[in-house]
Amino acid sequence: MAQSRASMLVARLVDPAPGERVLDLCAAPGAKTTHLAALMEGEGEIVAVERHAGRAGSLVTTCARMQATIVGVEGSDAGMGAIVRGSSIVFSSTRPAPGLEPCSHDPIFAGE
């Protein structure tokens, strides 16, 4: 699956180990989510949260196509409290934190 350098960077920085649980916010269209699943070698759990129903449906399709069977898609708004079960959650989001928006356009972070 084609993916941006930014989504590849997030997955590499999170560096999930097989067996871990990952909370992936703003998960659609699924490049970052499926990359995380591949890095986890199909062991563990990814809770992928996407608030838009159509994008969540596309995310389900992408995960099935990429055989990312450890992904569970939650159609909810992370800002309103995403569904999180258990503990040991590794957080992942492509939405920049306030004040960090310029990083996504900086050539150092973009891999240019």
N, C-alpha and C. Protein backbone atom coordinates (compact mmCIF):
# COMPACT_ATOMS: atom_id res chain seq x y z
N MET A 1 0.84 -1.17 0.00
CA MET A 1 0.00 0.00 0.00
C MET A 1 0.88 1.23 0.00
N ALA A 2 0.59 2.16 -0.89
CA ALA A 2 1.34 3.42 -0.93
C ALA A 2 1.01 4.22 0.32
N GLN A 3 2.04 4.86 0.88
CA GLN A 3 1.80 5.69 2.06
C GLN A 3 2.76 6.85 2.07
N SER A 4 2.37 7.90 2.77
CA SER A 4 3.21 9.09 2.85
C SER A 4 4.39 8.82 3.78
N ARG A 5 5.41 9.62 3.61
CA ARG A 5 6.56 9.49 4.51
C ARG A 5 6.16 9.79 5.94
N ALA A 6 5.21 10.71 6.11
CA ALA A 6 4.78 11.06 7.47
C ALA A 6 4.15 9.86 8.18
N SER A 7 3.30 9.10 7.47
CA SER A 7 2.67 7.94 8.14
C SER A 7 3.69 6.85 8.39
N MET A 8 4.67 6.70 7.51
CA MET A 8 5.73 5.71 7.75
C MET A 8 6.56 6.11 8.95
N LEU A 9 6.83 7.41 9.08
CA LEU A 9 7.63 7.90 10.21
C LEU A 9 6.93 7.64 11.53
N VAL A 10 5.63 7.89 11.58
CA VAL A 10 4.88 7.66 12.82
C VAL A 10 4.98 6.21 13.25
N ALA A 11 4.76 5.29 12.30
CA ALA A 11 4.82 3.86 12.65
C ALA A 11 6.21 3.48 13.15
N ARG A 12 7.25 4.01 12.52
CA ARG A 12 8.62 3.69 12.95
C ARG A 12 8.95 4.30 14.31
N LEU A 13 8.43 5.51 14.57
CA LEU A 13 8.69 6.14 15.86
C LEU A 13 7.95 5.42 16.99
N VAL A 14 6.72 4.99 16.71
CA VAL A 14 5.96 4.23 17.72
C VAL A 14 6.67 2.91 17.99
N ASP A 15 7.23 2.30 16.94
CA ASP A 15 8.01 1.07 17.04
C ASP A 15 7.31 0.01 17.89
N PRO A 16 6.11 -0.40 17.49
CA PRO A 16 5.37 -1.36 18.30
C PRO A 16 5.99 -2.75 18.24
N ALA A 17 5.99 -3.42 19.35
CA ALA A 17 6.50 -4.79 19.42
C ALA A 17 5.33 -5.77 19.26
N PRO A 18 5.60 -6.95 18.73
CA PRO A 18 4.56 -7.97 18.66
C PRO A 18 3.96 -8.19 20.05
N GLY A 19 2.63 -8.27 20.11
CA GLY A 19 1.94 -8.50 21.37
C GLY A 19 1.46 -7.25 22.07
N GLU A 20 1.91 -6.08 21.65
CA GLU A 20 1.48 -4.84 22.29
C GLU A 20 0.07 -4.46 21.82
N ARG A 21 -0.51 -3.49 22.54
CA ARG A 21 -1.79 -2.90 22.14
C ARG A 21 -1.52 -1.47 21.73
N VAL A 22 -2.08 -1.07 20.59
CA VAL A 22 -1.85 0.27 20.05
C VAL A 22 -3.19 0.96 19.83
N LEU A 23 -3.29 2.19 20.26
CA LEU A 23 -4.45 3.03 19.99
C LEU A 23 -4.06 3.98 18.87
N ASP A 24 -4.69 3.83 17.71
CA ASP A 24 -4.38 4.63 16.53
C ASP A 24 -5.54 5.57 16.27
N LEU A 25 -5.33 6.88 16.49
CA LEU A 25 -6.38 7.87 16.31
C LEU A 25 -6.29 8.49 14.93
N CYS A 26 -7.43 8.94 14.41
CA CYS A 26 -7.50 9.52 13.05
C CYS A 26 -6.89 8.52 12.08
N ALA A 27 -7.37 7.30 12.14
CA ALA A 27 -6.70 6.15 11.52
C ALA A 27 -6.91 6.00 10.02
N ALA A 28 -8.02 6.49 9.48
CA ALA A 28 -8.26 6.33 8.04
C ALA A 28 -7.31 7.23 7.24
N PRO A 29 -6.87 6.80 6.08
CA PRO A 29 -7.36 5.68 5.28
C PRO A 29 -6.74 4.32 5.62
N GLY A 30 -5.69 4.27 6.44
CA GLY A 30 -5.20 2.98 6.90
C GLY A 30 -3.74 2.67 6.63
N ALA A 31 -3.03 3.57 5.97
CA ALA A 31 -1.61 3.29 5.69
C ALA A 31 -0.82 3.12 6.98
N LYS A 32 -1.00 4.06 7.91
CA LYS A 32 -0.28 3.98 9.18
C LYS A 32 -0.72 2.76 9.98
N THR A 33 -2.02 2.51 9.98
CA THR A 33 -2.59 1.40 10.74
C THR A 33 -2.04 0.06 10.25
N THR A 34 -2.05 -0.15 8.94
CA THR A 34 -1.58 -1.43 8.41
C THR A 34 -0.07 -1.56 8.53
N HIS A 35 0.65 -0.44 8.49
CA HIS A 35 2.09 -0.48 8.70
C HIS A 35 2.39 -0.90 10.15
N LEU A 36 1.63 -0.34 11.10
CA LEU A 36 1.79 -0.74 12.50
C LEU A 36 1.53 -2.24 12.66
N ALA A 37 0.48 -2.74 12.02
CA ALA A 37 0.14 -4.17 12.11
C ALA A 37 1.27 -5.02 11.54
N ALA A 38 1.86 -4.59 10.44
CA ALA A 38 2.97 -5.34 9.85
C ALA A 38 4.18 -5.34 10.78
N LEU A 39 4.48 -4.20 11.39
CA LEU A 39 5.61 -4.13 12.32
C LEU A 39 5.38 -5.01 13.54
N MET A 40 4.11 -5.23 13.89
CA MET A 40 3.76 -6.07 15.04
C MET A 40 3.68 -7.55 14.64
N GLU A 41 3.95 -7.84 13.38
CA GLU A 41 4.00 -9.21 12.87
C GLU A 41 2.70 -9.97 13.14
N GLY A 42 1.57 -9.23 13.11
CA GLY A 42 0.27 -9.86 13.28
C GLY A 42 -0.03 -10.34 14.69
N GLU A 43 0.74 -9.88 15.68
CA GLU A 43 0.54 -10.28 17.07
C GLU A 43 0.26 -9.05 17.91
N GLY A 44 -0.85 -9.06 18.66
CA GLY A 44 -1.22 -7.94 19.49
C GLY A 44 -2.58 -7.41 19.07
N GLU A 45 -2.81 -6.13 19.34
CA GLU A 45 -4.09 -5.53 19.01
C GLU A 45 -3.90 -4.06 18.66
N ILE A 46 -4.58 -3.63 17.62
CA ILE A 46 -4.62 -2.21 17.26
C ILE A 46 -6.08 -1.78 17.31
N VAL A 47 -6.37 -0.77 18.10
CA VAL A 47 -7.69 -0.15 18.13
C VAL A 47 -7.57 1.09 17.26
N ALA A 48 -8.16 1.05 16.08
CA ALA A 48 -8.09 2.14 15.11
C ALA A 48 -9.37 2.95 15.19
N VAL A 49 -9.23 4.22 15.57
CA VAL A 49 -10.39 5.08 15.78
C VAL A 49 -10.51 6.08 14.62
N GLU A 50 -11.70 6.13 14.03
CA GLU A 50 -12.00 7.07 12.95
C GLU A 50 -13.44 7.56 13.14
N ARG A 51 -13.62 8.87 13.21
CA ARG A 51 -14.94 9.40 13.52
C ARG A 51 -15.90 9.45 12.34
N HIS A 52 -15.41 9.50 11.13
CA HIS A 52 -16.27 9.59 9.96
C HIS A 52 -16.65 8.19 9.49
N ALA A 53 -17.95 7.90 9.43
CA ALA A 53 -18.43 6.55 9.12
C ALA A 53 -17.92 6.04 7.78
N GLY A 54 -17.93 6.86 6.75
CA GLY A 54 -17.46 6.43 5.43
C GLY A 54 -15.98 6.09 5.45
N ARG A 55 -15.19 6.92 6.12
CA ARG A 55 -13.75 6.65 6.22
C ARG A 55 -13.48 5.42 7.08
N ALA A 56 -14.29 5.23 8.12
CA ALA A 56 -14.14 4.04 8.95
C ALA A 56 -14.43 2.79 8.13
N GLY A 57 -15.43 2.84 7.26
CA GLY A 57 -15.75 1.72 6.38
C GLY A 57 -14.61 1.43 5.42
N SER A 58 -14.00 2.48 4.87
CA SER A 58 -12.84 2.30 3.99
C SER A 58 -11.67 1.71 4.75
N LEU A 59 -11.52 2.10 6.01
CA LEU A 59 -10.45 1.56 6.85
C LEU A 59 -10.63 0.06 7.07
N VAL A 60 -11.85 -0.35 7.32
CA VAL A 60 -12.14 -1.79 7.48
C VAL A 60 -11.76 -2.54 6.21
N THR A 61 -12.13 -1.99 5.05
CA THR A 61 -11.81 -2.61 3.76
C THR A 61 -10.30 -2.69 3.55
N THR A 62 -9.59 -1.60 3.85
CA THR A 62 -8.14 -1.58 3.69
C THR A 62 -7.47 -2.61 4.58
N CYS A 63 -7.90 -2.70 5.82
CA CYS A 63 -7.30 -3.67 6.75
C CYS A 63 -7.54 -5.10 6.27
N ALA A 64 -8.73 -5.36 5.75
CA ALA A 64 -9.02 -6.70 5.23
C ALA A 64 -8.15 -7.00 4.01
N ARG A 65 -8.02 -6.02 3.12
CA ARG A 65 -7.21 -6.22 1.91
C ARG A 65 -5.75 -6.45 2.25
N MET A 66 -5.25 -5.77 3.28
CA MET A 66 -3.85 -5.89 3.68
C MET A 66 -3.64 -7.00 4.71
N GLN A 67 -4.70 -7.74 5.03
CA GLN A 67 -4.66 -8.85 5.97
C GLN A 67 -4.15 -8.43 7.35
N ALA A 68 -4.57 -7.24 7.77
CA ALA A 68 -4.21 -6.72 9.09
C ALA A 68 -5.30 -7.16 10.07
N THR A 69 -5.24 -8.43 10.43
CA THR A 69 -6.31 -9.05 11.23
C THR A 69 -6.31 -8.62 12.69
N ILE A 70 -5.27 -7.97 13.15
CA ILE A 70 -5.21 -7.55 14.55
C ILE A 70 -5.84 -6.17 14.77
N VAL A 71 -6.39 -5.58 13.70
CA VAL A 71 -6.98 -4.25 13.78
C VAL A 71 -8.48 -4.35 14.04
N GLY A 72 -8.93 -3.61 15.04
CA GLY A 72 -10.36 -3.42 15.29
C GLY A 72 -10.69 -1.97 15.08
N VAL A 73 -11.63 -1.67 14.21
CA VAL A 73 -11.98 -0.29 13.89
C VAL A 73 -13.13 0.17 14.78
N GLU A 74 -12.94 1.32 15.41
CA GLU A 74 -13.96 1.93 16.26
C GLU A 74 -14.43 3.21 15.57
N GLY A 75 -15.70 3.28 15.25
CA GLY A 75 -16.25 4.49 14.64
C GLY A 75 -16.69 5.46 15.72
N SER A 76 -15.75 6.27 16.20
CA SER A 76 -16.09 7.24 17.24
C SER A 76 -15.15 8.42 17.15
N ASP A 77 -15.47 9.46 17.88
CA ASP A 77 -14.67 10.68 17.91
C ASP A 77 -13.69 10.59 19.06
N ALA A 78 -12.41 10.55 18.75
CA ALA A 78 -11.38 10.43 19.79
C ALA A 78 -11.42 11.60 20.76
N GLY A 79 -11.84 12.76 20.28
CA GLY A 79 -11.94 13.94 21.14
C GLY A 79 -13.03 13.81 22.18
N MET A 80 -13.96 12.88 21.94
CA MET A 80 -15.06 12.66 22.87
C MET A 80 -14.81 11.46 23.76
N GLY A 81 -13.62 10.89 23.69
CA GLY A 81 -13.28 9.74 24.53
C GLY A 81 -13.38 8.44 23.77
N ALA A 82 -12.31 8.04 23.15
CA ALA A 82 -12.29 6.79 22.38
C ALA A 82 -12.43 5.59 23.31
N ILE A 83 -12.92 4.51 22.76
CA ILE A 83 -13.09 3.28 23.54
C ILE A 83 -11.73 2.64 23.74
N VAL A 84 -11.31 2.50 24.97
CA VAL A 84 -10.03 1.88 25.29
C VAL A 84 -10.29 0.79 26.32
N ARG A 85 -9.88 -0.42 26.01
CA ARG A 85 -10.07 -1.55 26.92
C ARG A 85 -8.70 -1.99 27.44
N GLY A 86 -8.61 -2.20 28.72
CA GLY A 86 -7.38 -2.74 29.29
C GLY A 86 -6.32 -1.68 29.49
N SER A 87 -5.07 -2.13 29.48
CA SER A 87 -3.96 -1.22 29.73
C SER A 87 -2.86 -1.46 28.72
N SER A 88 -1.74 -0.84 28.93
CA SER A 88 -0.57 -0.97 28.05
C SER A 88 -0.88 -0.53 26.63
N ILE A 89 -1.43 0.66 26.49
CA ILE A 89 -1.76 1.21 25.18
C ILE A 89 -0.61 2.09 24.71
N VAL A 90 -0.17 1.87 23.49
CA VAL A 90 0.80 2.75 22.83
C VAL A 90 -0.02 3.68 21.97
N PHE A 91 0.16 4.98 22.11
CA PHE A 91 -0.65 5.97 21.41
C PHE A 91 -0.02 6.33 20.08
N SER A 92 -0.84 6.47 19.05
CA SER A 92 -0.39 6.87 17.73
C SER A 92 -1.42 7.76 17.07
N SER A 93 -1.00 8.89 16.54
CA SER A 93 -1.92 9.77 15.81
C SER A 93 -1.15 10.56 14.78
N THR A 94 -1.75 10.78 13.62
CA THR A 94 -1.11 11.62 12.61
C THR A 94 -1.51 13.07 12.78
N ARG A 95 -2.48 13.34 13.66
CA ARG A 95 -2.88 14.73 13.89
C ARG A 95 -1.82 15.39 14.75
N PRO A 96 -1.20 16.48 14.26
CA PRO A 96 -0.14 17.12 15.05
C PRO A 96 -0.68 17.78 16.31
N ALA A 97 0.14 17.77 17.32
CA ALA A 97 -0.21 18.46 18.56
C ALA A 97 -0.17 19.96 18.29
N PRO A 98 -0.93 20.76 19.05
CA PRO A 98 -0.92 22.21 18.85
C PRO A 98 0.51 22.75 18.89
N GLY A 99 0.84 23.56 17.91
CA GLY A 99 2.17 24.15 17.83
C GLY A 99 3.17 23.32 17.05
N LEU A 100 2.83 22.08 16.71
CA LEU A 100 3.75 21.22 15.97
C LEU A 100 3.40 21.09 14.49
N GLU A 101 2.35 21.81 14.04
CA GLU A 101 1.94 21.72 12.64
C GLU A 101 3.09 21.99 11.68
N PRO A 102 3.99 22.96 11.96
CA PRO A 102 5.08 23.20 11.02
C PRO A 102 6.00 22.00 10.81
N CYS A 103 6.06 21.08 11.77
CA CYS A 103 6.93 19.91 11.64
C CYS A 103 6.54 19.05 10.45
N SER A 104 5.24 18.98 10.16
CA SER A 104 4.81 18.13 9.06
C SER A 104 5.23 18.69 7.71
N HIS A 105 5.60 19.97 7.67
CA HIS A 105 6.03 20.59 6.42
C HIS A 105 7.53 20.84 6.38
N ASP A 106 8.21 20.57 7.47
CA ASP A 106 9.66 20.77 7.53
C ASP A 106 10.35 19.63 6.78
N PRO A 107 11.27 19.96 5.85
CA PRO A 107 11.95 18.92 5.08
C PRO A 107 12.65 17.87 5.93
N ILE A 108 13.09 18.22 7.12
CA ILE A 108 13.76 17.26 7.99
C ILE A 108 12.77 16.15 8.39
N PHE A 109 11.53 16.55 8.73
CA PHE A 109 10.52 15.58 9.16
C PHE A 109 9.84 14.91 7.98
N ALA A 110 9.81 15.59 6.83
CA ALA A 110 9.14 15.04 5.66
C ALA A 110 10.03 14.05 4.91
N GLY A 111 11.30 13.98 5.29
CA GLY A 111 12.22 13.04 4.64
C GLY A 111 12.70 13.52 3.28
N GLU A 112 12.62 14.82 3.05
CA GLU A 112 13.04 15.37 1.75
C GLU A 112 14.51 15.69 1.74
